[in-house]
């Protein structure tokens, strides 16, 4: 009998993913199907938190994702996370054609409770809610995460999320980058 390869653990061993902190999460669509958004050039774009005209900035014009029906469901469910879970908020997110990036904050005022949500539980239930509304599962198994350790890490990841649409052609999740 052929021995199956062991799957590499996705989470940091011995880390409590329900503790207060910021977590960078990437969730991919199964088989990288581009069903969440379409990247199209935009006349205006964002720099940091400020909306500016293209001629006011020296950077090339960014592309902005135009959400599909499935992408709109994904966005709606992201926005519900802070209502669904006490002490959980999403700081920023982007819905790309075949993946989603978001920064999830867990900030329990009284510390960890017996029923404190873990990042895994939040993502599992979020995926389930999206699946129920769409009518079938669109997600690949599991998700990628990175524990944000300091302010510099947070700002670098926020910038990466904001610039992801402009860098779509070079993105590791872009279908042309496979193979």
C-alpha atoms as a PDB file:
ATOM      1  CA  UNK A   1       0.000   0.000   0.000  1.00  0.00           C
ATOM      2  CA  UNK A   2       1.346   3.410  -0.987  1.00  0.00           C
ATOM      3  CA  UNK A   3       2.022   5.715   1.943  1.00  0.00           C
ATOM      4  CA  UNK A   4       0.288   9.074   1.580  1.00  0.00           C
ATOM      5  CA  UNK A   5       2.350  12.216   2.176  1.00  0.00           C
ATOM      6  CA  UNK A   6       1.780  13.958   5.501  1.00  0.00           C
ATOM      7  CA  UNK A   7       0.311  17.412   5.304  1.00  0.00           C
ATOM      8  CA  UNK A   8       2.448  20.158   6.801  1.00  0.00           C
ATOM      9  CA  UNK A   9       0.740  21.809   9.814  1.00  0.00           C
ATOM     10  CA  UNK A  10      -0.661  25.221   8.908  1.00  0.00           C
ATOM     11  CA  UNK A  11      -0.708  26.772  12.373  1.00  0.00           C
ATOM     12  CA  UNK A  12       2.093  27.738  14.730  1.00  0.00           C
ATOM     13  CA  UNK A  13       2.475  24.943  17.283  1.00  0.00           C
ATOM     14  CA  UNK A  14       1.586  25.811  20.869  1.00  0.00           C
ATOM     15  CA  UNK A  15       0.176  29.232  19.901  1.00  0.00           C
ATOM     16  CA  UNK A  16      -3.233  30.250  21.270  1.00  0.00           C
ATOM     17  CA  UNK A  17      -5.073  31.673  18.252  1.00  0.00           C
ATOM     18  CA  UNK A  18      -7.823  33.046  20.506  1.00  0.00           C
ATOM     19  CA  UNK A  19      -5.518  35.466  22.314  1.00  0.00           C
ATOM     20  CA  UNK A  20      -5.604  39.189  21.699  1.00  0.00           C
ATOM     21  CA  UNK A  21      -3.706  40.162  18.593  1.00  0.00           C
ATOM     22  CA  UNK A  22      -3.788  40.863  14.878  1.00  0.00           C
ATOM     23  CA  UNK A  23      -3.821  38.096  12.300  1.00  0.00           C
ATOM     24  CA  UNK A  24      -3.217  38.398   8.547  1.00  0.00           C
ATOM     25  CA  UNK A  25      -5.380  35.777   6.835  1.00  0.00           C
ATOM     26  CA  UNK A  26      -5.548  34.657   3.196  1.00  0.00           C
ATOM     27  CA  UNK A  27      -8.406  32.444   2.034  1.00  0.00           C
ATOM     28  CA  UNK A  28      -8.262  30.953  -1.476  1.00  0.00           C
ATOM     29  CA  UNK A  29     -10.938  29.805  -3.879  1.00  0.00           C
ATOM     30  CA  UNK A  30     -10.722  26.120  -4.786  1.00  0.00           C
ATOM     31  CA  UNK A  31      -8.603  25.514  -7.893  1.00  0.00           C
ATOM     32  CA  UNK A  32      -7.956  29.280  -8.089  1.00  0.00           C
ATOM     33  CA  UNK A  33     -11.152  29.914 -10.022  1.00  0.00           C
ATOM     34  CA  UNK A  34     -11.603  33.655 -10.535  1.00  0.00           C
ATOM     35  CA  UNK A  35     -15.155  34.054  -9.238  1.00  0.00           C
ATOM     36  CA  UNK A  36     -14.963  36.791  -6.580  1.00  0.00           C
ATOM     37  CA  UNK A  37     -13.954  39.885  -8.538  1.00  0.00           C
ATOM     38  CA  UNK A  38     -12.529  41.277 -11.746  1.00  0.00           C
ATOM     39  CA  UNK A  39      -9.549  43.646 -11.718  1.00  0.00           C
ATOM     40  CA  UNK A  40     -10.163  46.679 -13.946  1.00  0.00           C
ATOM     41  CA  UNK A  41      -8.311  50.001 -14.181  1.00  0.00           C
ATOM     42  CA  UNK A  42      -9.797  52.817 -12.104  1.00  0.00           C
ATOM     43  CA  UNK A  43      -9.757  56.558 -12.745  1.00  0.00           C
ATOM     44  CA  UNK A  44      -9.007  57.228  -9.075  1.00  0.00           C
ATOM     45  CA  UNK A  45      -7.158  55.250  -6.468  1.00  0.00           C
ATOM     46  CA  UNK A  46      -6.284  55.156  -2.817  1.00  0.00           C
ATOM     47  CA  UNK A  47      -2.985  56.092  -1.227  1.00  0.00           C
ATOM     48  CA  UNK A  48      -2.994  55.136   2.428  1.00  0.00           C
ATOM     49  CA  UNK A  49      -6.339  56.296   3.772  1.00  0.00           C
ATOM     50  CA  UNK A  50      -6.665  59.260   1.390  1.00  0.00           C
ATOM     51  CA  UNK A  51      -8.608  59.261  -1.858  1.00  0.00           C
ATOM     52  CA  UNK A  52      -6.615  61.143  -4.483  1.00  0.00           C
ATOM     53  CA  UNK A  53      -6.749  61.954  -8.181  1.00  0.00           C
ATOM     54  CA  UNK A  54      -4.198  60.012 -10.276  1.00  0.00           C
ATOM     55  CA  UNK A  55      -2.327  63.184 -11.270  1.00  0.00           C
ATOM     56  CA  UNK A  56      -1.709  63.966  -7.574  1.00  0.00           C
ATOM     57  CA  UNK A  57       0.364  60.823  -7.069  1.00  0.00           C
ATOM     58  CA  UNK A  58       3.620  59.690  -8.644  1.00  0.00           C
ATOM     59  CA  UNK A  59       2.759  55.977  -8.419  1.00  0.00           C
ATOM     60  CA  UNK A  60       1.172  54.204 -11.398  1.00  0.00           C
ATOM     61  CA  UNK A  61      -2.587  53.982 -11.412  1.00  0.00           C
ATOM     62  CA  UNK A  62      -3.932  51.072  -9.373  1.00  0.00           C
ATOM     63  CA  UNK A  63      -6.549  48.587 -10.439  1.00  0.00           C
ATOM     64  CA  UNK A  64      -9.572  48.109  -8.203  1.00  0.00           C
ATOM     65  CA  UNK A  65     -11.520  44.856  -7.883  1.00  0.00           C
ATOM     66  CA  UNK A  66     -15.066  44.932  -9.238  1.00  0.00           C
ATOM     67  CA  UNK A  67     -16.998  42.420  -7.139  1.00  0.00           C
ATOM     68  CA  UNK A  68     -19.070  39.639  -8.661  1.00  0.00           C
ATOM     69  CA  UNK A  69     -22.263  38.404  -6.999  1.00  0.00           C
ATOM     70  CA  UNK A  70     -20.168  35.889  -5.017  1.00  0.00           C
ATOM     71  CA  UNK A  71     -17.676  38.649  -4.131  1.00  0.00           C
ATOM     72  CA  UNK A  72     -20.495  40.811  -2.771  1.00  0.00           C
ATOM     73  CA  UNK A  73     -21.595  37.953  -0.509  1.00  0.00           C
ATOM     74  CA  UNK A  74     -17.978  37.552   0.678  1.00  0.00           C
ATOM     75  CA  UNK A  75     -17.758  41.291   1.411  1.00  0.00           C
ATOM     76  CA  UNK A  76     -21.049  41.274   3.311  1.00  0.00           C
ATOM     77  CA  UNK A  77     -19.902  38.367   5.473  1.00  0.00           C
ATOM     78  CA  UNK A  78     -16.545  40.051   6.210  1.00  0.00           C
ATOM     79  CA  UNK A  79     -18.415  43.129   7.415  1.00  0.00           C
ATOM     80  CA  UNK A  80     -20.584  40.953   9.698  1.00  0.00           C
ATOM     81  CA  UNK A  81     -17.619  39.422  11.570  1.00  0.00           C
ATOM     82  CA  UNK A  82     -17.420  42.238  14.138  1.00  0.00           C
ATOM     83  CA  UNK A  83     -21.144  41.844  14.854  1.00  0.00           C
ATOM     84  CA  UNK A  84     -21.018  38.049  14.974  1.00  0.00           C
ATOM     85  CA  UNK A  85     -18.128  37.884  17.442  1.00  0.00           C
ATOM     86  CA  UNK A  86     -17.618  40.131  20.447  1.00  0.00           C
ATOM     87  CA  UNK A  87     -14.053  41.382  20.516  1.00  0.00           C
ATOM     88  CA  UNK A  88     -13.369  40.652  16.833  1.00  0.00           C
ATOM     89  CA  UNK A  89     -12.925  43.212  14.078  1.00  0.00           C
ATOM     90  CA  UNK A  90     -11.562  43.310  10.556  1.00  0.00           C
ATOM     91  CA  UNK A  91      -9.191  46.216  10.060  1.00  0.00           C
ATOM     92  CA  UNK A  92      -8.743  45.988   6.307  1.00  0.00           C
ATOM     93  CA  UNK A  93      -9.450  43.484   3.560  1.00  0.00           C
ATOM     94  CA  UNK A  94      -9.325  43.015  -0.186  1.00  0.00           C
ATOM     95  CA  UNK A  95     -11.367  40.641  -2.321  1.00  0.00           C
ATOM     96  CA  UNK A  96      -9.250  39.523  -5.245  1.00  0.00           C
ATOM     97  CA  UNK A  97     -10.525  37.370  -8.152  1.00  0.00           C
ATOM     98  CA  UNK A  98      -9.563  34.088  -6.480  1.00  0.00           C
ATOM     99  CA  UNK A  99      -8.575  34.907  -2.902  1.00  0.00           C
ATOM    100  CA  UNK A 100      -9.322  37.174   0.031  1.00  0.00           C
ATOM    101  CA  UNK A 101      -6.850  38.941   2.321  1.00  0.00           C
ATOM    102  CA  UNK A 102      -7.922  40.395   5.657  1.00  0.00           C
ATOM    103  CA  UNK A 103      -6.475  41.508   8.962  1.00  0.00           C
ATOM    104  CA  UNK A 104      -8.509  40.148  11.863  1.00  0.00           C
ATOM    105  CA  UNK A 105      -8.126  41.696  15.307  1.00  0.00           C
ATOM    106  CA  UNK A 106      -9.075  39.745  18.406  1.00  0.00           C
ATOM    107  CA  UNK A 107      -9.378  42.085  21.377  1.00  0.00           C
ATOM    108  CA  UNK A 108     -11.169  40.577  24.349  1.00  0.00           C
ATOM    109  CA  UNK A 109     -11.453  43.136  27.144  1.00  0.00           C
ATOM    110  CA  UNK A 110     -11.435  40.615  29.963  1.00  0.00           C
ATOM    111  CA  UNK A 111      -8.925  38.261  28.409  1.00  0.00           C
ATOM    112  CA  UNK A 112      -9.604  34.815  27.056  1.00  0.00           C
ATOM    113  CA  UNK A 113     -12.957  33.318  27.972  1.00  0.00           C
ATOM    114  CA  UNK A 114     -13.971  29.690  27.699  1.00  0.00           C
ATOM    115  CA  UNK A 115     -15.796  30.436  24.450  1.00  0.00           C
ATOM    116  CA  UNK A 116     -13.316  32.877  22.931  1.00  0.00           C
ATOM    117  CA  UNK A 117     -13.272  32.478  19.158  1.00  0.00           C
ATOM    118  CA  UNK A 118     -10.087  31.227  17.565  1.00  0.00           C
ATOM    119  CA  UNK A 119      -8.971  32.418  14.141  1.00  0.00           C
ATOM    120  CA  UNK A 120      -9.712  28.913  12.807  1.00  0.00           C
ATOM    121  CA  UNK A 121     -13.263  28.945  14.198  1.00  0.00           C
ATOM    122  CA  UNK A 122     -13.908  32.436  12.811  1.00  0.00           C
ATOM    123  CA  UNK A 123     -12.727  31.429   9.320  1.00  0.00           C
ATOM    124  CA  UNK A 124     -14.533  28.068   9.378  1.00  0.00           C
ATOM    125  CA  UNK A 125     -17.864  29.670  10.297  1.00  0.00           C
ATOM    126  CA  UNK A 126     -17.297  32.557   7.866  1.00  0.00           C
ATOM    127  CA  UNK A 127     -16.609  30.123   5.006  1.00  0.00           C
ATOM    128  CA  UNK A 128     -19.719  28.166   6.012  1.00  0.00           C
ATOM    129  CA  UNK A 129     -21.906  31.251   5.922  1.00  0.00           C
ATOM    130  CA  UNK A 130     -20.606  32.251   2.475  1.00  0.00           C
ATOM    131  CA  UNK A 131     -21.089  28.661   1.239  1.00  0.00           C
ATOM    132  CA  UNK A 132     -24.674  28.557   2.514  1.00  0.00           C
ATOM    133  CA  UNK A 133     -25.564  31.790   0.709  1.00  0.00           C
ATOM    134  CA  UNK A 134     -23.882  30.831  -2.570  1.00  0.00           C
ATOM    135  CA  UNK A 135     -25.302  27.294  -2.446  1.00  0.00           C
ATOM    136  CA  UNK A 136     -22.049  25.352  -2.743  1.00  0.00           C
ATOM    137  CA  UNK A 137     -18.507  25.544  -1.402  1.00  0.00           C
ATOM    138  CA  UNK A 138     -16.068  27.665  -3.382  1.00  0.00           C
ATOM    139  CA  UNK A 139     -13.180  27.409  -0.904  1.00  0.00           C
ATOM    140  CA  UNK A 140      -9.966  25.456  -0.863  1.00  0.00           C
ATOM    141  CA  UNK A 141      -9.282  23.571   2.340  1.00  0.00           C
ATOM    142  CA  UNK A 142      -7.804  25.589   5.228  1.00  0.00           C
ATOM    143  CA  UNK A 143      -6.291  29.081   4.951  1.00  0.00           C
ATOM    144  CA  UNK A 144      -2.970  30.881   5.289  1.00  0.00           C
ATOM    145  CA  UNK A 145      -2.272  32.971   8.381  1.00  0.00           C
ATOM    146  CA  UNK A 146       0.449  35.195   9.746  1.00  0.00           C
ATOM    147  CA  UNK A 147       0.518  36.473  13.316  1.00  0.00           C
ATOM    148  CA  UNK A 148       1.200  40.206  13.158  1.00  0.00           C
ATOM    149  CA  UNK A 149       3.897  40.803  15.740  1.00  0.00           C
ATOM    150  CA  UNK A 150       4.457  44.566  15.749  1.00  0.00           C
ATOM    151  CA  UNK A 151       3.389  47.904  14.284  1.00  0.00           C
ATOM    152  CA  UNK A 152       5.885  47.773  11.411  1.00  0.00           C
ATOM    153  CA  UNK A 153       4.623  44.318  10.403  1.00  0.00           C
ATOM    154  CA  UNK A 154       1.041  45.648  10.542  1.00  0.00           C
ATOM    155  CA  UNK A 155       1.818  48.601   8.260  1.00  0.00           C
ATOM    156  CA  UNK A 156       3.725  46.465   5.746  1.00  0.00           C
ATOM    157  CA  UNK A 157       0.828  44.003   5.524  1.00  0.00           C
ATOM    158  CA  UNK A 158      -1.742  46.797   5.259  1.00  0.00           C
ATOM    159  CA  UNK A 159       0.243  48.290   2.383  1.00  0.00           C
ATOM    160  CA  UNK A 160       0.478  44.861   0.731  1.00  0.00           C
ATOM    161  CA  UNK A 161      -3.320  44.437   0.974  1.00  0.00           C
ATOM    162  CA  UNK A 162      -3.976  47.917  -0.422  1.00  0.00           C
ATOM    163  CA  UNK A 163      -1.552  47.402  -3.316  1.00  0.00           C
ATOM    164  CA  UNK A 164      -2.620  43.831  -4.124  1.00  0.00           C
ATOM    165  CA  UNK A 165      -4.987  44.825  -6.978  1.00  0.00           C
ATOM    166  CA  UNK A 166      -2.293  46.938  -8.649  1.00  0.00           C
ATOM    167  CA  UNK A 167       0.084  43.971  -8.455  1.00  0.00           C
ATOM    168  CA  UNK A 168      -2.443  41.349  -9.614  1.00  0.00           C
ATOM    169  CA  UNK A 169      -0.467  40.344 -12.728  1.00  0.00           C
ATOM    170  CA  UNK A 170       2.552  39.470 -10.522  1.00  0.00           C
ATOM    171  CA  UNK A 171       0.531  37.949  -7.659  1.00  0.00           C
ATOM    172  CA  UNK A 172       1.475  34.389  -6.662  1.00  0.00           C
ATOM    173  CA  UNK A 173      -2.254  33.490  -6.789  1.00  0.00           C
ATOM    174  CA  UNK A 174      -2.668  34.796 -10.358  1.00  0.00           C
ATOM    175  CA  UNK A 175      -3.557  31.877 -12.680  1.00  0.00           C
ATOM    176  CA  UNK A 176      -0.760  32.809 -15.100  1.00  0.00           C
ATOM    177  CA  UNK A 177       1.795  32.340 -12.284  1.00  0.00           C
ATOM    178  CA  UNK A 178       0.933  28.634 -11.911  1.00  0.00           C
ATOM    179  CA  UNK A 179       3.008  25.916 -13.350  1.00  0.00           C
END
